[in-house]
Each structure stands twice: as structure tokens, then as C-alpha cells.
N, C-alpha and C. Protein backbone atom coordinates (compact mmCIF):
# COMPACT_ATOMS: atom_id res chain seq x y z
N MET A 1 -3.89 6.76 0.98
CA MET A 1 -2.17 6.65 0.88
C MET A 1 -1.82 5.37 0.73
N ILE A 2 -2.22 4.23 1.29
CA ILE A 2 -2.14 2.85 0.88
C ILE A 2 -2.12 2.59 -0.61
N ASP A 3 -3.07 3.17 -0.95
CA ASP A 3 -3.77 2.77 -2.18
C ASP A 3 -3.28 3.29 -3.12
N ALA A 4 -2.60 4.70 -2.91
CA ALA A 4 -1.70 5.60 -4.16
C ALA A 4 -0.14 4.30 -4.14
N ALA A 5 -0.22 3.99 -2.81
CA ALA A 5 1.43 3.78 -2.77
C ALA A 5 1.12 2.24 -3.54
N LEU A 6 0.08 1.33 -3.02
CA LEU A 6 -0.07 -0.04 -3.68
C LEU A 6 0.28 0.20 -5.47
N ILE A 7 -0.62 1.17 -6.10
CA ILE A 7 -0.36 1.33 -7.12
C ILE A 7 0.84 1.66 -7.26
N GLU A 8 1.65 2.61 -7.01
CA GLU A 8 3.42 3.25 -7.36
C GLU A 8 4.29 1.80 -7.24
N PHE A 9 4.27 1.26 -5.91
CA PHE A 9 4.99 -0.29 -5.89
C PHE A 9 4.32 -0.81 -6.61
N GLY A 10 3.53 -1.25 -7.13
CA GLY A 10 2.93 -2.09 -8.12
C GLY A 10 3.52 -1.92 -9.52
N LYS A 11 3.45 -0.89 -9.79
CA LYS A 11 4.16 -0.26 -11.10
C LYS A 11 5.22 -0.53 -10.99
N ARG A 12 6.75 0.37 -10.50
CA ARG A 12 7.72 0.60 -10.38
C ARG A 12 8.63 -0.07 -9.58
N GLY A 13 8.12 -0.93 -8.57
CA GLY A 13 8.63 -1.66 -6.95
C GLY A 13 9.24 -1.14 -5.92
N PHE A 14 9.47 -1.60 -4.94
CA PHE A 14 10.26 -0.75 -4.18
C PHE A 14 11.23 0.51 -4.53
N ASP A 15 12.74 0.07 -5.02
CA ASP A 15 13.58 0.87 -5.02
C ASP A 15 12.55 2.17 -6.40
N GLY A 16 12.08 1.82 -7.46
CA GLY A 16 11.32 2.59 -8.48
C GLY A 16 10.77 3.64 -7.99
N THR A 17 10.11 3.16 -6.84
CA THR A 17 8.54 4.19 -6.41
C THR A 17 9.87 5.04 -5.22
N THR A 18 9.38 6.41 -5.88
CA THR A 18 9.64 7.68 -4.59
C THR A 18 8.30 7.90 -3.55
N THR A 19 8.58 8.69 -2.32
CA THR A 19 7.54 9.33 -1.93
C THR A 19 6.66 10.14 -2.40
N SER A 20 7.26 10.81 -3.48
CA SER A 20 6.60 11.83 -4.25
C SER A 20 6.08 11.65 -5.09
N MET A 21 6.15 10.50 -5.63
CA MET A 21 5.33 9.63 -6.79
C MET A 21 3.76 9.58 -5.95
N ILE A 22 4.17 8.65 -5.25
CA ILE A 22 2.78 8.20 -4.35
C ILE A 22 2.30 9.59 -3.47
N ALA A 23 2.93 10.47 -3.06
CA ALA A 23 1.90 11.50 -2.43
C ALA A 23 1.41 12.48 -3.55
N ASP A 24 1.94 11.95 -4.87
CA ASP A 24 1.37 13.12 -6.17
C ASP A 24 -0.06 12.24 -6.46
N ARG A 25 0.05 10.61 -6.08
CA ARG A 25 -0.81 10.11 -6.78
C ARG A 25 -2.21 9.84 -5.49
N ALA A 26 -1.56 10.74 -4.43
CA ALA A 26 -2.48 10.27 -3.59
C ALA A 26 -3.43 11.92 -3.81
N GLY A 27 -2.73 13.01 -4.03
CA GLY A 27 -3.03 14.24 -3.54
C GLY A 27 -2.98 14.75 -2.87
N SER A 28 -1.62 14.65 -2.37
CA SER A 28 -1.22 15.11 -1.28
C SER A 28 0.14 15.80 -1.59
N GLN A 29 0.83 16.00 -0.50
CA GLN A 29 2.29 16.77 -0.22
C GLN A 29 3.09 15.68 0.78
N GLN A 30 4.44 15.45 0.13
CA GLN A 30 5.48 14.53 0.50
C GLN A 30 5.36 14.62 1.87
N PRO A 31 5.45 15.40 2.89
CA PRO A 31 5.93 15.46 4.21
C PRO A 31 4.14 14.42 4.72
N TYR A 32 3.39 14.24 4.02
CA TYR A 32 2.39 14.18 5.10
C TYR A 32 2.75 12.87 5.19
N ILE A 33 3.30 12.08 4.02
CA ILE A 33 3.99 10.59 4.48
C ILE A 33 4.58 10.57 5.30
N TYR A 34 5.51 11.03 5.85
CA TYR A 34 6.32 10.76 7.01
C TYR A 34 5.37 11.53 8.26
N ALA A 35 4.21 11.95 8.23
CA ALA A 35 3.85 12.32 9.40
C ALA A 35 2.87 10.94 9.77
N LEU A 36 2.77 10.10 8.63
CA LEU A 36 2.01 8.49 9.03
C LEU A 36 2.44 7.65 9.02
N PHE A 37 4.16 7.51 8.51
CA PHE A 37 4.91 6.85 8.22
C PHE A 37 5.90 7.05 8.17
N GLU A 38 7.27 6.48 9.32
CA GLU A 38 8.33 6.61 9.88
C GLU A 38 9.07 6.87 8.29
N ASN A 39 9.15 6.04 7.18
CA ASN A 39 9.58 6.16 6.19
C ASN A 39 9.04 4.90 5.30
N LYS A 40 9.97 5.23 3.90
CA LYS A 40 9.42 4.23 3.10
C LYS A 40 9.07 2.66 3.43
N ARG A 41 10.13 2.34 4.02
CA ARG A 41 10.21 0.98 4.10
C ARG A 41 8.36 0.69 5.10
N HIS A 42 8.43 1.64 5.61
CA HIS A 42 7.15 1.52 6.94
C HIS A 42 6.28 1.43 5.65
N LEU A 43 5.90 2.14 5.03
CA LEU A 43 4.68 2.41 4.33
C LEU A 43 4.45 1.26 3.50
N PHE A 44 5.87 0.83 2.79
CA PHE A 44 6.04 -0.50 1.94
C PHE A 44 5.41 -1.70 2.93
N LEU A 45 5.85 -1.79 4.16
CA LEU A 45 4.63 -2.88 4.70
C LEU A 45 3.69 -2.62 5.21
N ALA A 46 3.32 -1.52 5.50
CA ALA A 46 1.84 -1.33 5.33
C ALA A 46 0.85 -1.86 4.70
N CYS A 47 1.40 -1.49 3.26
CA CYS A 47 1.09 -2.10 1.92
C CYS A 47 1.06 -3.42 2.13
N GLN A 48 2.41 -4.59 2.23
CA GLN A 48 2.25 -5.62 2.34
C GLN A 48 0.77 -5.97 3.46
N GLU A 49 0.96 -5.74 4.47
CA GLU A 49 -0.20 -5.69 5.25
C GLU A 49 -1.34 -6.02 4.63
N THR A 50 -1.97 -5.03 4.18
CA THR A 50 -3.15 -4.32 3.75
C THR A 50 -3.08 -5.74 2.76
N LEU A 51 -2.90 -5.95 1.30
CA LEU A 51 -2.70 -6.69 0.74
C LEU A 51 -2.94 -8.28 1.45
N TYR A 52 -2.08 -8.70 2.09
CA TYR A 52 -2.39 -9.76 3.03
C TYR A 52 -3.54 -10.00 3.66
N ALA A 53 -4.47 -9.08 4.00
CA ALA A 53 -5.53 -8.50 4.49
C ALA A 53 -6.73 -9.10 4.02
N ARG A 54 -6.46 -7.97 2.52
CA ARG A 54 -6.87 -8.53 1.56
C ARG A 54 -7.50 -9.33 1.14
N MET A 55 -6.29 -10.03 1.01
CA MET A 55 -5.73 -11.83 0.63
C MET A 55 -7.03 -12.95 1.09
N LEU A 56 -6.80 -12.52 2.78
CA LEU A 56 -7.22 -13.45 3.72
C LEU A 56 -9.22 -13.26 3.46
N ASP A 57 -9.03 -11.91 3.32
CA ASP A 57 -10.56 -11.95 3.14
C ASP A 57 -11.12 -12.82 2.38
N ILE A 58 -10.37 -12.71 0.92
CA ILE A 58 -10.99 -13.33 -0.84
C ILE A 58 -10.66 -14.79 -0.03
N PHE A 59 -9.71 -15.42 0.68
CA PHE A 59 -9.63 -17.11 1.20
C PHE A 59 -10.97 -16.94 1.91
N ARG A 60 -11.58 -16.24 2.80
CA ARG A 60 -12.27 -16.71 4.01
C ARG A 60 -13.77 -17.15 3.28
N SER A 61 -13.92 -15.71 2.07
CA SER A 61 -15.31 -15.60 1.43
C SER A 61 -15.53 -17.05 0.67
N ALA A 62 -14.45 -17.16 -0.35
CA ALA A 62 -13.89 -18.27 -0.85
C ALA A 62 -14.94 -19.79 0.31
N VAL A 63 -14.05 -19.76 1.35
CA VAL A 63 -14.43 -21.23 1.68
C VAL A 63 -15.80 -20.92 2.30
N ASN A 64 -16.33 -19.88 2.96
CA ASN A 64 -17.74 -19.49 3.70
C ASN A 64 -18.83 -19.77 2.24
N ALA A 65 -18.56 -19.56 0.99
CA ALA A 65 -19.56 -20.10 -0.10
C ALA A 65 -19.85 -20.97 -0.28
N GLU A 66 -18.70 -21.96 0.18
CA GLU A 66 -18.06 -23.25 -0.18
C GLU A 66 -19.72 -23.99 0.78
N ASP A 67 -19.72 -23.60 1.94
CA ASP A 67 -20.54 -24.02 2.89
C ASP A 67 -21.76 -24.27 2.80
């Protein structure tokens, strides 16, 4: 669900993205999103945390490659 949300939020931003769009991209139904996340904002914040973690991994890899 996070990967689908990242794509949709990336294309349309928070306000332009609906949970239906995310569910469609994920091949799921909208109620499943609310089973996983309290609301769209919480899904957006989970996406933000995922992106931060991915960036941190990239930075760590770059530092380790220099060693």
C-alpha cells in the first residue's frame, strides 16, 4: 500500500490524491486502507517515514562505500 501511495502522492500531492486512487493502484479496495491506517494523513506520514528510511539507507551505503 505504501508503494502505491508514494506513486499517487508523488503525482498529485496530498490534496489531489484520494484513498480510492491509492487502493486502485494497489489492486485493493478502499476500506482496506482504513484497516491499515487511521486516515489518509497517517498513510501520508507512513510514506514520509518510508522515504526517510530509504534516503538514510542510501546515505549509509555511500559512506560505507568510501571506507
